Amino acid sequence: IPAKYKYYASPKLSNDAFLLADVLEWEKLNLQGGNAKIIFEGTYTGKSFINPANILDTLSLSMGKDKKIIISKEKQEDFSSTKFIGSNKKQAFTYLIKIRNTKKEAIELTLKDQYPLSSQSDVEIELIENSGAEVNKETGILTWSLKLAPSETKTIKLSYSVKSPRNKVIAGL
């Protein structure tokens, strides 16, 4: 079936890239509602449920993980630090996200990650570097729309700081 293929990844949750197929003009396929087996490039990738009554203009099908898209997220200890300034503590965190396309064709990838937000007035978070991401300041979600050529590797730098009272312990950083 002709489709537009897109990749999605969220290295905070998984180092895998997931392929999604968007099928336009699906009405011409005379689809019946029910279970569907998904076969991609001659390989069974999983099952889905198709309900034509709930599909709008595009039928989106998950094609599963693609092991040819390699993603890693590593904390850069050399660029992460803790400093004490008066009664406050300022911590800096820096991560590198590397994406490598080992496929023989170019791909489009939507990459999402997140930096922490604070609801406490004595804790301040500052996003320092986002490598051109679209930033949602209400949720802390960063979104990159990337195009990778065959065998291309891209590196994204994510850096933020957390300023808090010296004796306050903040979990999850």
C-alpha atoms as a PDB file:
ATOM      1  CA  ILE A   1       0.000   0.000   0.000  1.00  0.00           C
ATOM      2  CA  PRO A   2       1.485   3.404  -0.872  1.00  0.00           C
ATOM      3  CA  ALA A   3       2.234   5.327   2.316  1.00  0.00           C
ATOM      4  CA  LYS A   4       4.300   8.175   3.694  1.00  0.00           C
ATOM      5  CA  TYR A   5       6.747   6.844   6.269  1.00  0.00           C
ATOM      6  CA  LYS A   6       7.885   8.779   9.329  1.00  0.00           C
ATOM      7  CA  TYR A   7      10.001   7.830  12.297  1.00  0.00           C
ATOM      8  CA  TYR A   8       9.420   8.791  15.919  1.00  0.00           C
ATOM      9  CA  ALA A   9      11.784   8.469  18.860  1.00  0.00           C
ATOM     10  CA  SER A  10      11.952   9.534  22.492  1.00  0.00           C
ATOM     11  CA  PRO A  11      15.362   8.625  23.946  1.00  0.00           C
ATOM     12  CA  LYS A  12      14.152   9.497  27.447  1.00  0.00           C
ATOM     13  CA  LEU A  13      11.863   6.444  27.214  1.00  0.00           C
ATOM     14  CA  SER A  14      13.582   4.157  24.692  1.00  0.00           C
ATOM     15  CA  ASN A  15      16.616   4.112  22.393  1.00  0.00           C
ATOM     16  CA  ASP A  16      14.468   2.680  19.607  1.00  0.00           C
ATOM     17  CA  ALA A  17      13.040   4.524  16.604  1.00  0.00           C
ATOM     18  CA  PHE A  18       9.491   3.586  15.658  1.00  0.00           C
ATOM     19  CA  LEU A  19       8.225   3.662  12.084  1.00  0.00           C
ATOM     20  CA  LEU A  20       4.747   5.007  11.338  1.00  0.00           C
ATOM     21  CA  ALA A  21       3.046   4.662   7.949  1.00  0.00           C
ATOM     22  CA  ASP A  22       0.457   7.273   6.964  1.00  0.00           C
ATOM     23  CA  VAL A  23      -1.871   5.949   4.273  1.00  0.00           C
ATOM     24  CA  LEU A  24      -3.694   8.636   2.296  1.00  0.00           C
ATOM     25  CA  GLU A  25      -6.787   7.876   0.205  1.00  0.00           C
ATOM     26  CA  TRP A  26      -7.361   4.743   2.308  1.00  0.00           C
ATOM     27  CA  GLU A  27     -11.065   4.894   1.335  1.00  0.00           C
ATOM     28  CA  LYS A  28     -10.150   3.438  -2.084  1.00  0.00           C
ATOM     29  CA  LEU A  29      -8.847   0.272  -0.381  1.00  0.00           C
ATOM     30  CA  ASN A  30     -12.331  -0.921   0.647  1.00  0.00           C
ATOM     31  CA  LEU A  31     -11.095  -1.844   4.130  1.00  0.00           C
ATOM     32  CA  GLN A  32     -13.208  -3.875   6.524  1.00  0.00           C
ATOM     33  CA  GLY A  33     -13.000  -3.281  10.263  1.00  0.00           C
ATOM     34  CA  GLY A  34     -11.054  -5.841  12.267  1.00  0.00           C
ATOM     35  CA  ASN A  35      -7.611  -7.201  13.074  1.00  0.00           C
ATOM     36  CA  ALA A  36      -4.838  -6.634  10.549  1.00  0.00           C
ATOM     37  CA  LYS A  37      -1.417  -8.243  10.245  1.00  0.00           C
ATOM     38  CA  ILE A  38       1.298  -5.731   9.427  1.00  0.00           C
ATOM     39  CA  ILE A  39       3.976  -6.925   6.992  1.00  0.00           C
ATOM     40  CA  PHE A  40       6.747  -4.494   6.089  1.00  0.00           C
ATOM     41  CA  GLU A  41       9.571  -5.208   3.628  1.00  0.00           C
ATOM     42  CA  GLY A  42       8.537  -8.865   3.618  1.00  0.00           C
ATOM     43  CA  THR A  43       8.727  -9.207   7.418  1.00  0.00           C
ATOM     44  CA  TYR A  44       5.831  -9.602   9.828  1.00  0.00           C
ATOM     45  CA  THR A  45       6.034  -6.657  12.249  1.00  0.00           C
ATOM     46  CA  GLY A  46       2.888  -7.079  14.334  1.00  0.00           C
ATOM     47  CA  LYS A  47      -0.858  -6.695  14.540  1.00  0.00           C
ATOM     48  CA  SER A  48      -3.167  -3.716  14.518  1.00  0.00           C
ATOM     49  CA  PHE A  49      -6.900  -3.107  14.670  1.00  0.00           C
ATOM     50  CA  ILE A  50      -8.460  -1.102  11.866  1.00  0.00           C
ATOM     51  CA  ASN A  51     -11.794   0.606  12.407  1.00  0.00           C
ATOM     52  CA  PRO A  52     -12.734   2.583   9.269  1.00  0.00           C
ATOM     53  CA  ALA A  53     -15.466   4.415  11.217  1.00  0.00           C
ATOM     54  CA  ASN A  54     -12.816   6.122  13.399  1.00  0.00           C
ATOM     55  CA  ILE A  55     -10.316   7.046  10.672  1.00  0.00           C
ATOM     56  CA  LEU A  56     -10.203  10.641   9.505  1.00  0.00           C
ATOM     57  CA  ASP A  57      -8.326  11.622   6.324  1.00  0.00           C
ATOM     58  CA  THR A  58      -5.218   9.521   7.083  1.00  0.00           C
ATOM     59  CA  LEU A  59      -4.877   5.915   8.237  1.00  0.00           C
ATOM     60  CA  SER A  60      -1.840   5.704  10.533  1.00  0.00           C
ATOM     61  CA  LEU A  61      -0.260   2.309  11.133  1.00  0.00           C
ATOM     62  CA  SER A  62       2.590   1.533  13.489  1.00  0.00           C
ATOM     63  CA  MET A  63       5.211  -0.564  11.721  1.00  0.00           C
ATOM     64  CA  GLY A  64       7.211  -1.282  14.886  1.00  0.00           C
ATOM     65  CA  LYS A  65      10.834  -0.639  15.780  1.00  0.00           C
ATOM     66  CA  ASP A  66      13.476  -0.086  13.119  1.00  0.00           C
ATOM     67  CA  LYS A  67      16.859  -1.357  14.294  1.00  0.00           C
ATOM     68  CA  LYS A  68      18.575   0.468  11.396  1.00  0.00           C
ATOM     69  CA  ILE A  69      18.030   3.776  13.179  1.00  0.00           C
ATOM     70  CA  ILE A  70      20.503   3.861  16.084  1.00  0.00           C
ATOM     71  CA  ILE A  71      19.874   6.316  18.924  1.00  0.00           C
ATOM     72  CA  SER A  72      21.849   6.947  22.097  1.00  0.00           C
ATOM     73  CA  LYS A  73      21.536   9.494  24.893  1.00  0.00           C
ATOM     74  CA  GLU A  74      24.536  10.014  27.136  1.00  0.00           C
ATOM     75  CA  LYS A  75      25.142  12.381  30.017  1.00  0.00           C
ATOM     76  CA  GLN A  76      28.285  14.414  29.466  1.00  0.00           C
ATOM     77  CA  GLU A  77      30.027  14.378  32.838  1.00  0.00           C
ATOM     78  CA  ASP A  78      32.669  16.880  31.633  1.00  0.00           C
ATOM     79  CA  PHE A  79      29.956  19.479  31.016  1.00  0.00           C
ATOM     80  CA  SER A  80      27.780  18.668  34.043  1.00  0.00           C
ATOM     81  CA  SER A  81      28.615  20.287  37.369  1.00  0.00           C
ATOM     82  CA  THR A  82      27.451  21.372  40.808  1.00  0.00           C
ATOM     83  CA  LYS A  83      28.388  24.797  42.207  1.00  0.00           C
ATOM     84  CA  PHE A  84      27.528  26.367  45.537  1.00  0.00           C
ATOM     85  CA  ILE A  85      26.735  30.081  45.461  1.00  0.00           C
ATOM     86  CA  GLY A  86      25.873  31.497  48.883  1.00  0.00           C
ATOM     87  CA  SER A  87      22.854  29.617  50.209  1.00  0.00           C
ATOM     88  CA  ASN A  88      22.055  28.156  46.783  1.00  0.00           C
ATOM     89  CA  LYS A  89      23.225  25.208  44.734  1.00  0.00           C
ATOM     90  CA  LYS A  90      23.408  25.371  40.934  1.00  0.00           C
ATOM     91  CA  GLN A  91      23.614  22.112  39.012  1.00  0.00           C
ATOM     92  CA  ALA A  92      24.249  21.917  35.276  1.00  0.00           C
ATOM     93  CA  PHE A  93      23.281  18.870  33.207  1.00  0.00           C
ATOM     94  CA  THR A  94      24.395  18.238  29.624  1.00  0.00           C
ATOM     95  CA  TYR A  95      23.335  15.349  27.384  1.00  0.00           C
ATOM     96  CA  LEU A  96      24.291  14.349  23.851  1.00  0.00           C
ATOM     97  CA  ILE A  97      21.711  12.547  21.744  1.00  0.00           C
ATOM     98  CA  LYS A  98      23.191  10.790  18.718  1.00  0.00           C
ATOM     99  CA  ILE A  99      21.021   9.560  15.849  1.00  0.00           C
ATOM    100  CA  ARG A 100      22.489   7.404  13.088  1.00  0.00           C
ATOM    101  CA  ASN A 101      20.656   6.352   9.938  1.00  0.00           C
ATOM    102  CA  THR A 102      22.183   3.086   8.701  1.00  0.00           C
ATOM    103  CA  LYS A 103      19.517   2.658   6.013  1.00  0.00           C
ATOM    104  CA  LYS A 104      20.189   3.071   2.309  1.00  0.00           C
ATOM    105  CA  GLU A 105      17.580   5.814   2.002  1.00  0.00           C
ATOM    106  CA  ALA A 106      16.976   9.175   3.656  1.00  0.00           C
ATOM    107  CA  ILE A 107      14.516   9.349   6.549  1.00  0.00           C
ATOM    108  CA  GLU A 108      12.419  11.909   8.408  1.00  0.00           C
ATOM    109  CA  LEU A 109      12.500  11.573  12.195  1.00  0.00           C
ATOM    110  CA  THR A 110      10.533  13.375  14.882  1.00  0.00           C
ATOM    111  CA  LEU A 111      12.594  13.258  18.065  1.00  0.00           C
ATOM    112  CA  LYS A 112      11.106  14.207  21.439  1.00  0.00           C
ATOM    113  CA  ASP A 113      12.781  14.660  24.792  1.00  0.00           C
ATOM    114  CA  GLN A 114      12.090  16.666  27.912  1.00  0.00           C
ATOM    115  CA  TYR A 115      13.820  18.890  30.424  1.00  0.00           C
ATOM    116  CA  PRO A 116      12.520  19.241  33.995  1.00  0.00           C
ATOM    117  CA  LEU A 117      10.133  21.951  35.130  1.00  0.00           C
ATOM    118  CA  SER A 118       9.622  23.208  38.666  1.00  0.00           C
ATOM    119  CA  SER A 119       6.402  24.052  40.436  1.00  0.00           C
ATOM    120  CA  GLN A 120       8.304  25.255  43.515  1.00  0.00           C
ATOM    121  CA  SER A 121       9.209  28.938  43.743  1.00  0.00           C
ATOM    122  CA  ASP A 122      12.614  28.255  45.308  1.00  0.00           C
ATOM    123  CA  VAL A 123      13.722  25.974  42.443  1.00  0.00           C
ATOM    124  CA  GLU A 124      14.635  27.596  39.099  1.00  0.00           C
ATOM    125  CA  ILE A 125      15.211  25.652  35.875  1.00  0.00           C
ATOM    126  CA  GLU A 126      16.936  27.238  32.892  1.00  0.00           C
ATOM    127  CA  LEU A 127      17.177  25.613  29.471  1.00  0.00           C
ATOM    128  CA  ILE A 128      20.687  26.460  28.260  1.00  0.00           C
ATOM    129  CA  GLU A 129      21.056  24.563  24.950  1.00  0.00           C
ATOM    130  CA  ASN A 130      18.412  22.796  22.838  1.00  0.00           C
ATOM    131  CA  SER A 131      20.037  22.487  19.383  1.00  0.00           C
ATOM    132  CA  GLY A 132      17.151  24.246  17.650  1.00  0.00           C
ATOM    133  CA  ALA A 133      14.280  22.277  19.170  1.00  0.00           C
ATOM    134  CA  GLU A 134      10.712  23.490  19.268  1.00  0.00           C
ATOM    135  CA  VAL A 135      10.235  24.118  23.007  1.00  0.00           C
ATOM    136  CA  ASN A 136       6.966  23.746  24.890  1.00  0.00           C
ATOM    137  CA  LYS A 137       7.621  25.765  28.069  1.00  0.00           C
ATOM    138  CA  GLU A 138       4.441  24.478  29.757  1.00  0.00           C
ATOM    139  CA  THR A 139       5.386  20.783  29.504  1.00  0.00           C
ATOM    140  CA  GLY A 140       9.178  20.936  29.048  1.00  0.00           C
ATOM    141  CA  ILE A 141       8.876  18.851  25.880  1.00  0.00           C
ATOM    142  CA  LEU A 142      11.462  19.482  23.163  1.00  0.00           C
ATOM    143  CA  THR A 143      10.703  18.432  19.586  1.00  0.00           C
ATOM    144  CA  TRP A 144      13.186  18.159  16.731  1.00  0.00           C
ATOM    145  CA  SER A 145      12.154  17.477  13.121  1.00  0.00           C
ATOM    146  CA  LEU A 146      15.186  15.876  11.506  1.00  0.00           C
ATOM    147  CA  LYS A 147      16.087  14.683   8.032  1.00  0.00           C
ATOM    148  CA  LEU A 148      18.921  12.176   7.891  1.00  0.00           C
ATOM    149  CA  ALA A 149      20.628  11.114   4.687  1.00  0.00           C
ATOM    150  CA  PRO A 150      21.778   7.490   4.257  1.00  0.00           C
ATOM    151  CA  SER A 151      24.615   6.676   6.699  1.00  0.00           C
ATOM    152  CA  GLU A 152      24.330  10.140   8.289  1.00  0.00           C
ATOM    153  CA  THR A 153      24.813  10.762  12.015  1.00  0.00           C
ATOM    154  CA  LYS A 154      23.419  13.832  13.790  1.00  0.00           C
ATOM    155  CA  THR A 155      24.240  14.951  17.309  1.00  0.00           C
ATOM    156  CA  ILE A 156      21.907  17.018  19.455  1.00  0.00           C
ATOM    157  CA  LYS A 157      23.033  18.786  22.603  1.00  0.00           C
ATOM    158  CA  LEU A 158      20.599  19.290  25.471  1.00  0.00           C
ATOM    159  CA  SER A 159      21.727  21.318  28.473  1.00  0.00           C
ATOM    160  CA  TYR A 160      19.874  22.823  31.426  1.00  0.00           C
ATOM    161  CA  SER A 161      20.607  24.135  34.919  1.00  0.00           C
ATOM    162  CA  VAL A 162      18.786  23.748  38.212  1.00  0.00           C
ATOM    163  CA  LYS A 163      19.164  26.381  40.936  1.00  0.00           C
ATOM    164  CA  SER A 164      17.834  25.419  44.369  1.00  0.00           C
ATOM    165  CA  PRO A 165      18.511  25.988  48.076  1.00  0.00           C
ATOM    166  CA  ARG A 166      21.808  24.366  49.118  1.00  0.00           C
ATOM    167  CA  ASN A 167      20.251  21.759  51.422  1.00  0.00           C
ATOM    168  CA  LYS A 168      17.265  20.862  49.222  1.00  0.00           C
ATOM    169  CA  VAL A 169      17.363  17.397  47.667  1.00  0.00           C
ATOM    170  CA  ILE A 170      15.701  17.151  44.261  1.00  0.00           C
ATOM    171  CA  ALA A 171      14.944  13.653  42.991  1.00  0.00           C
ATOM    172  CA  GLY A 172      14.883  12.605  39.360  1.00  0.00           C
ATOM    173  CA  LEU A 173      17.661  14.765  37.967  1.00  0.00           C
END
